[in-house]
PDB file of N, CA and C in Angstrom:
ATOM      1  N   MET A   1       0.880  -1.258  -0.115  1.00  0.00           N
ATOM      2  CA  MET A   1      -0.058   0.074  -0.123  1.00  0.00           C
ATOM      3  C   MET A   1       0.881   1.315  -0.019  1.00  0.00           C
ATOM      4  N   GLY A   2       0.445   2.112  -0.779  1.00  0.00           N
ATOM      5  CA  GLY A   2       1.394   3.408  -0.923  1.00  0.00           C
ATOM      6  C   GLY A   2       1.335   4.339   0.260  1.00  0.00           C
ATOM      7  N   SER A   3       1.963   5.232   0.403  1.00  0.00           N
ATOM      8  CA  SER A   3       2.149   6.226   1.500  1.00  0.00           C
ATOM      9  C   SER A   3       0.804   6.928   1.540  1.00  0.00           C
ATOM     10  N   GLY A   4       0.192   7.234   0.407  1.00  0.00           N
ATOM     11  CA  GLY A   4      -0.977   8.197   0.373  1.00  0.00           C
ATOM     12  C   GLY A   4      -2.139   7.271   1.153  1.00  0.00           C
ATOM     13  N   PHE A   5      -2.092   5.944   0.979  1.00  0.00           N
ATOM     14  CA  PHE A   5      -3.148   5.196   1.817  1.00  0.00           C
ATOM     15  C   PHE A   5      -2.910   5.485   3.339  1.00  0.00           C
ATOM     16  N   TYR A   6      -1.687   5.445   3.851  1.00  0.00           N
ATOM     17  CA  TYR A   6      -1.525   5.618   5.185  1.00  0.00           C
ATOM     18  C   TYR A   6      -1.714   7.018   5.712  1.00  0.00           C
ATOM     19  N   VAL A   7      -1.463   8.003   4.792  1.00  0.00           N
ATOM     20  CA  VAL A   7      -1.947   9.401   5.151  1.00  0.00           C
ATOM     21  C   VAL A   7      -3.375   9.545   5.330  1.00  0.00           C
ATOM     22  N   LEU A   8      -4.272   8.746   4.439  1.00  0.00           N
ATOM     23  CA  LEU A   8      -5.681   8.780   4.621  1.00  0.00           C
ATOM     24  C   LEU A   8      -6.105   7.966   5.829  1.00  0.00           C
ATOM     25  N   LEU A   9      -5.481   6.960   6.108  1.00  0.00           N
ATOM     26  CA  LEU A   9      -5.738   6.133   7.216  1.00  0.00           C
ATOM     27  C   LEU A   9      -5.483   6.999   8.626  1.00  0.00           C
ATOM     28  N   ASP A  10      -4.428   7.613   8.725  1.00  0.00           N
ATOM     29  CA  ASP A  10      -4.102   8.589   9.760  1.00  0.00           C
ATOM     30  C   ASP A  10      -5.285   9.681   9.815  1.00  0.00           C
ATOM     31  N   ARG A  11      -5.559  10.167   8.876  1.00  0.00           N
ATOM     32  CA  ARG A  11      -6.628  11.196   8.940  1.00  0.00           C
ATOM     33  C   ARG A  11      -7.952  10.612   9.266  1.00  0.00           C
ATOM     34  N   LEU A  12      -8.150   9.474   8.829  1.00  0.00           N
ATOM     35  CA  LEU A  12      -9.420   8.837   9.324  1.00  0.00           C
ATOM     36  C   LEU A  12      -9.443   8.517  10.840  1.00  0.00           C
ATOM     37  N   GLU A  13      -8.140   8.030  11.268  1.00  0.00           N
ATOM     38  CA  GLU A  13      -8.070   7.895  12.729  1.00  0.00           C
ATOM     39  C   GLU A  13      -8.287   9.026  13.505  1.00  0.00           C
ATOM     40  N   GLN A  14      -7.801   9.991  13.034  1.00  0.00           N
ATOM     41  CA  GLN A  14      -7.961  11.326  13.823  1.00  0.00           C
ATOM     42  C   GLN A  14      -9.573  11.868  13.855  1.00  0.00           C
ATOM     43  N   GLU A  15     -10.129  11.583  12.812  1.00  0.00           N
ATOM     44  CA  GLU A  15     -11.742  11.831  12.804  1.00  0.00           C
ATOM     45  C   GLU A  15     -12.411  10.893  13.860  1.00  0.00           C
ATOM     46  N   PHE A  16     -12.087   9.685  13.966  1.00  0.00           N
ATOM     47  CA  PHE A  16     -12.453   8.694  15.017  1.00  0.00           C
ATOM     48  C   PHE A  16     -12.272   9.145  16.398  1.00  0.00           C
ATOM     49  N   VAL A  17     -10.907   9.554  16.580  1.00  0.00           N
ATOM     50  CA  VAL A  17     -10.535  10.105  17.923  1.00  0.00           C
ATOM     51  C   VAL A  17     -11.449  11.272  18.262  1.00  0.00           C
ATOM     52  N   GLN A  18     -11.657  12.152  17.304  1.00  0.00           N
ATOM     53  CA  GLN A  18     -12.282  13.276  17.618  1.00  0.00           C
ATOM     54  C   GLN A  18     -13.800  13.039  17.876  1.00  0.00           C
ATOM     55  N   ALA A  19     -14.220  12.087  17.473  1.00  0.00           N
ATOM     56  CA  ALA A  19     -15.591  11.535  17.628  1.00  0.00           C
ATOM     57  C   ALA A  19     -15.774  10.663  18.848  1.00  0.00           C
ATOM     58  N   GLY A  20     -14.581  10.405  19.591  1.00  0.00           N
ATOM     59  CA  GLY A  20     -14.757   9.650  20.707  1.00  0.00           C
ATOM     60  C   GLY A  20     -14.891   8.112  20.233  1.00  0.00           C
ATOM     61  N   LYS A  21     -14.557   7.575  19.318  1.00  0.00           N
ATOM     62  CA  LYS A  21     -14.597   6.483  18.643  1.00  0.00           C
ATOM     63  C   LYS A  21     -13.212   5.608  18.374  1.00  0.00           C
ATOM     64  N   GLU A  22     -12.154   6.117  19.166  1.00  0.00           N
ATOM     65  CA  GLU A  22     -10.867   5.503  18.779  1.00  0.00           C
ATOM     66  C   GLU A  22     -10.926   4.042  18.973  1.00  0.00           C
ATOM     67  N   ARG A  23     -11.494   3.415  19.969  1.00  0.00           N
ATOM     68  CA  ARG A  23     -11.531   1.932  20.162  1.00  0.00           C
ATOM     69  C   ARG A  23     -12.213   1.346  19.032  1.00  0.00           C
ATOM     70  N   GLN A  24     -13.268   2.023  18.623  1.00  0.00           N
ATOM     71  CA  GLN A  24     -13.988   1.365  17.331  1.00  0.00           C
ATOM     72  C   GLN A  24     -12.906   1.211  16.174  1.00  0.00           C
ATOM     73  N   PHE A  25     -12.249   2.310  16.028  1.00  0.00           N
ATOM     74  CA  PHE A  25     -11.258   2.406  14.910  1.00  0.00           C
ATOM     75  C   PHE A  25     -10.156   1.529  14.999  1.00  0.00           C
ATOM     76  N   GLN A  26      -9.619   1.387  16.175  1.00  0.00           N
ATOM     77  CA  GLN A  26      -8.622   0.284  16.593  1.00  0.00           C
ATOM     78  C   GLN A  26      -8.981  -1.044  16.293  1.00  0.00           C
ATOM     79  N   GLN A  27     -10.229  -1.291  16.586  1.00  0.00           N
ATOM     80  CA  GLN A  27     -10.712  -2.793  16.348  1.00  0.00           C
ATOM     81  C   GLN A  27     -11.116  -2.977  14.995  1.00  0.00           C
ATOM     82  N   ILE A  28     -11.579  -2.061  14.234  1.00  0.00           N
ATOM     83  CA  ILE A  28     -11.988  -2.398  12.902  1.00  0.00           C
ATOM     84  C   ILE A  28     -11.027  -2.199  11.724  1.00  0.00           C
ATOM     85  N   LYS A  29      -9.879  -1.384  12.122  1.00  0.00           N
ATOM     86  CA  LYS A  29      -8.832  -1.047  11.375  1.00  0.00           C
ATOM     87  C   LYS A  29      -8.224  -2.265  10.627  1.00  0.00           C
ATOM     88  N   GLY A  30      -8.128  -3.388  11.313  1.00  0.00           N
ATOM     89  CA  GLY A  30      -7.616  -4.447  10.780  1.00  0.00           C
ATOM     90  C   GLY A  30      -8.180  -5.130   9.401  1.00  0.00           C
ATOM     91  N   PHE A  31      -9.461  -4.902   9.485  1.00  0.00           N
ATOM     92  CA  PHE A  31     -10.225  -5.442   8.410  1.00  0.00           C
ATOM     93  C   PHE A  31      -9.922  -4.531   7.066  1.00  0.00           C
ATOM     94  N   ILE A  32      -9.538  -3.247   7.435  1.00  0.00           N
ATOM     95  CA  ILE A  32      -9.439  -2.270   6.444  1.00  0.00           C
ATOM     96  C   ILE A  32      -7.970  -2.506   5.610  1.00  0.00           C
ATOM     97  N   VAL A  33      -6.992  -2.892   6.610  1.00  0.00           N
ATOM     98  CA  VAL A  33      -5.569  -3.114   6.098  1.00  0.00           C
ATOM     99  C   VAL A  33      -5.377  -4.377   5.942  1.00  0.00           C
ATOM    100  N   GLY A  34      -6.297  -5.351   6.122  1.00  0.00           N
ATOM    101  CA  GLY A  34      -6.045  -6.760   5.839  1.00  0.00           C
ATOM    102  C   GLY A  34      -5.023  -7.505   6.987  1.00  0.00           C
ATOM    103  N   ASP A  35      -5.235  -6.766   8.122  1.00  0.00           N
ATOM    104  CA  ASP A  35      -4.391  -7.484   9.149  1.00  0.00           C
ATOM    105  C   ASP A  35      -5.214  -7.732  10.359  1.00  0.00           C
ATOM    106  N   HIS A  36      -6.210  -8.331  10.175  1.00  0.00           N
ATOM    107  CA  HIS A  36      -7.138  -8.880  11.356  1.00  0.00           C
ATOM    108  C   HIS A  36      -6.845 -10.203  12.119  1.00  0.00           C
ATOM    109  N   GLU A  37      -5.878 -10.705  11.472  1.00  0.00           N
ATOM    110  CA  GLU A  37      -5.308 -11.924  12.050  1.00  0.00           C
ATOM    111  C   GLU A  37      -6.198 -12.975  12.732  1.00  0.00           C
ATOM    112  N   GLY A  38      -7.126 -13.291  11.785  1.00  0.00           N
ATOM    113  CA  GLY A  38      -8.224 -14.211  12.032  1.00  0.00           C
ATOM    114  C   GLY A  38      -9.286 -13.845  12.770  1.00  0.00           C
ATOM    115  N   THR A  39      -9.447 -12.722  13.238  1.00  0.00           N
ATOM    116  CA  THR A  39     -10.533 -12.040  14.078  1.00  0.00           C
ATOM    117  C   THR A  39     -11.598 -11.886  13.165  1.00  0.00           C
ATOM    118  N   THR A  40     -12.791 -12.226  13.634  1.00  0.00           N
ATOM    119  CA  THR A  40     -14.023 -12.140  12.760  1.00  0.00           C
ATOM    120  C   THR A  40     -14.787 -10.786  13.198  1.00  0.00           C
ATOM    121  N   TYR A  41     -15.664 -10.503  12.300  1.00  0.00           N
ATOM    122  CA  TYR A  41     -16.453  -9.225  12.594  1.00  0.00           C
ATOM    123  C   TYR A  41     -17.324  -9.532  13.897  1.00  0.00           C
ATOM    124  N   ALA A  42     -17.773 -10.722  13.974  1.00  0.00           N
ATOM    125  CA  ALA A  42     -18.665 -11.057  15.002  1.00  0.00           C
ATOM    126  C   ALA A  42     -17.801 -10.962  16.322  1.00  0.00           C
ATOM    127  N   GLN A  43     -16.606 -11.270  16.434  1.00  0.00           N
ATOM    128  CA  GLN A  43     -15.822 -11.013  17.729  1.00  0.00           C
ATOM    129  C   GLN A  43     -15.626  -9.637  17.852  1.00  0.00           C
ATOM    130  N   VAL A  44     -15.237  -8.751  16.814  1.00  0.00           N
ATOM    131  CA  VAL A  44     -14.984  -7.334  17.149  1.00  0.00           C
ATOM    132  C   VAL A  44     -16.399  -6.783  17.431  1.00  0.00           C
ATOM    133  N   ALA A  45     -17.547  -7.174  16.967  1.00  0.00           N
ATOM    134  CA  ALA A  45     -18.748  -6.660  17.323  1.00  0.00           C
ATOM    135  C   ALA A  45     -19.071  -6.727  18.682  1.00  0.00           C
ATOM    136  N   GLU A  46     -18.815  -8.043  19.134  1.00  0.00           N
ATOM    137  CA  GLU A  46     -19.011  -8.368  20.669  1.00  0.00           C
ATOM    138  C   GLU A  46     -18.231  -7.423  21.475  1.00  0.00           C
ATOM    139  N   GLN A  47     -16.941  -7.379  21.133  1.00  0.00           N
ATOM    140  CA  GLN A  47     -16.158  -6.506  22.020  1.00  0.00           C
ATOM    141  C   GLN A  47     -16.420  -5.110  22.059  1.00  0.00           C
ATOM    142  N   LEU A  48     -17.136  -4.569  20.973  1.00  0.00           N
ATOM    143  CA  LEU A  48     -17.585  -3.162  20.873  1.00  0.00           C
ATOM    144  C   LEU A  48     -19.059  -2.936  21.152  1.00  0.00           C
ATOM    145  N   GLY A  49     -19.636  -3.996  21.597  1.00  0.00           N
ATOM    146  CA  GLY A  49     -21.160  -3.959  22.063  1.00  0.00           C
ATOM    147  C   GLY A  49     -22.049  -3.595  20.862  1.00  0.00           C
ATOM    148  N   MET A  50     -21.711  -4.219  19.717  1.00  0.00           N
ATOM    149  CA  MET A  50     -22.748  -3.758  18.587  1.00  0.00           C
ATOM    150  C   MET A  50     -22.965  -5.236  17.849  1.00  0.00           C
ATOM    151  N   SER A  51     -23.875  -5.108  17.018  1.00  0.00           N
ATOM    152  CA  SER A  51     -24.279  -6.261  16.084  1.00  0.00           C
ATOM    153  C   SER A  51     -23.091  -6.439  15.118  1.00  0.00           C
ATOM    154  N   GLU A  52     -22.980  -7.620  14.631  1.00  0.00           N
ATOM    155  CA  GLU A  52     -21.996  -7.941  13.541  1.00  0.00           C
ATOM    156  C   GLU A  52     -22.308  -7.107  12.274  1.00  0.00           C
ATOM    157  N   ALA A  53     -23.610  -6.890  12.063  1.00  0.00           N
ATOM    158  CA  ALA A  53     -24.038  -6.100  10.856  1.00  0.00           C
ATOM    159  C   ALA A  53     -23.443  -4.617  11.032  1.00  0.00           C
ATOM    160  N   ALA A  54     -23.530  -4.125  12.043  1.00  0.00           N
ATOM    161  CA  ALA A  54     -23.104  -2.682  12.487  1.00  0.00           C
ATOM    162  C   ALA A  54     -21.544  -2.674  12.302  1.00  0.00           C
ATOM    163  N   ALA A  55     -20.758  -3.761  12.717  1.00  0.00           N
ATOM    164  CA  ALA A  55     -19.370  -3.775  12.608  1.00  0.00           C
ATOM    165  C   ALA A  55     -19.057  -3.782  11.154  1.00  0.00           C
ATOM    166  N   ARG A  56     -19.748  -4.605  10.441  1.00  0.00           N
ATOM    167  CA  ARG A  56     -19.435  -4.604   8.863  1.00  0.00           C
ATOM    168  C   ARG A  56     -19.740  -3.382   8.251  1.00  0.00           C
ATOM    169  N   LYS A  57     -20.688  -2.721   8.587  1.00  0.00           N
ATOM    170  CA  LYS A  57     -21.192  -1.404   8.091  1.00  0.00           C
ATOM    171  C   LYS A  57     -20.116  -0.315   8.390  1.00  0.00           C
ATOM    172  N   ALA A  58     -19.682  -0.361   9.692  1.00  0.00           N
ATOM    173  CA  ALA A  58     -18.602   0.735  10.067  1.00  0.00           C
ATOM    174  C   ALA A  58     -17.457   0.390   9.172  1.00  0.00           C
ATOM    175  N   ALA A  59     -17.077  -0.805   8.938  1.00  0.00           N
ATOM    176  CA  ALA A  59     -15.752  -1.138   8.176  1.00  0.00           C
ATOM    177  C   ALA A  59     -16.026  -0.490   6.808  1.00  0.00           C
ATOM    178  N   SER A  60     -17.256  -0.841   6.302  1.00  0.00           N
ATOM    179  CA  SER A  60     -17.596  -0.300   4.969  1.00  0.00           C
ATOM    180  C   SER A  60     -17.312   1.139   4.793  1.00  0.00           C
ATOM    181  N   ARG A  61     -17.971   1.795   5.728  1.00  0.00           N
ATOM    182  CA  ARG A  61     -17.828   3.351   5.855  1.00  0.00           C
ATOM    183  C   ARG A  61     -16.471   3.842   5.969  1.00  0.00           C
ATOM    184  N   MET A  62     -15.522   3.081   6.760  1.00  0.00           N
ATOM    185  CA  MET A  62     -14.064   3.503   6.857  1.00  0.00           C
ATOM    186  C   MET A  62     -13.506   3.253   5.385  1.00  0.00           C
ATOM    187  N   ARG A  63     -13.836   2.288   4.584  1.00  0.00           N
ATOM    188  CA  ARG A  63     -13.340   2.073   3.282  1.00  0.00           C
ATOM    189  C   ARG A  63     -13.463   3.255   2.337  1.00  0.00           C
ATOM    190  N   ARG A  64     -14.627   3.989   2.503  1.00  0.00           N
ATOM    191  CA  ARG A  64     -15.006   5.124   1.643  1.00  0.00           C
ATOM    192  C   ARG A  64     -14.039   6.340   1.738  1.00  0.00           C
TER     193      ARG A  64
END
């Protein structure tokens, strides 16, 4: 992945931090960068107290 990707990822992280959703960003980021190490959306959703569908939707929004 190019350096531009990481610039955008850092910017996205700052948006989540400002919105008070840093934990959500950290949990879902692995699905964006392909480094989720076998963790499933269901596991992340449970840790964040949301449905699996909501976790998938959050990841989808992060990709945009």
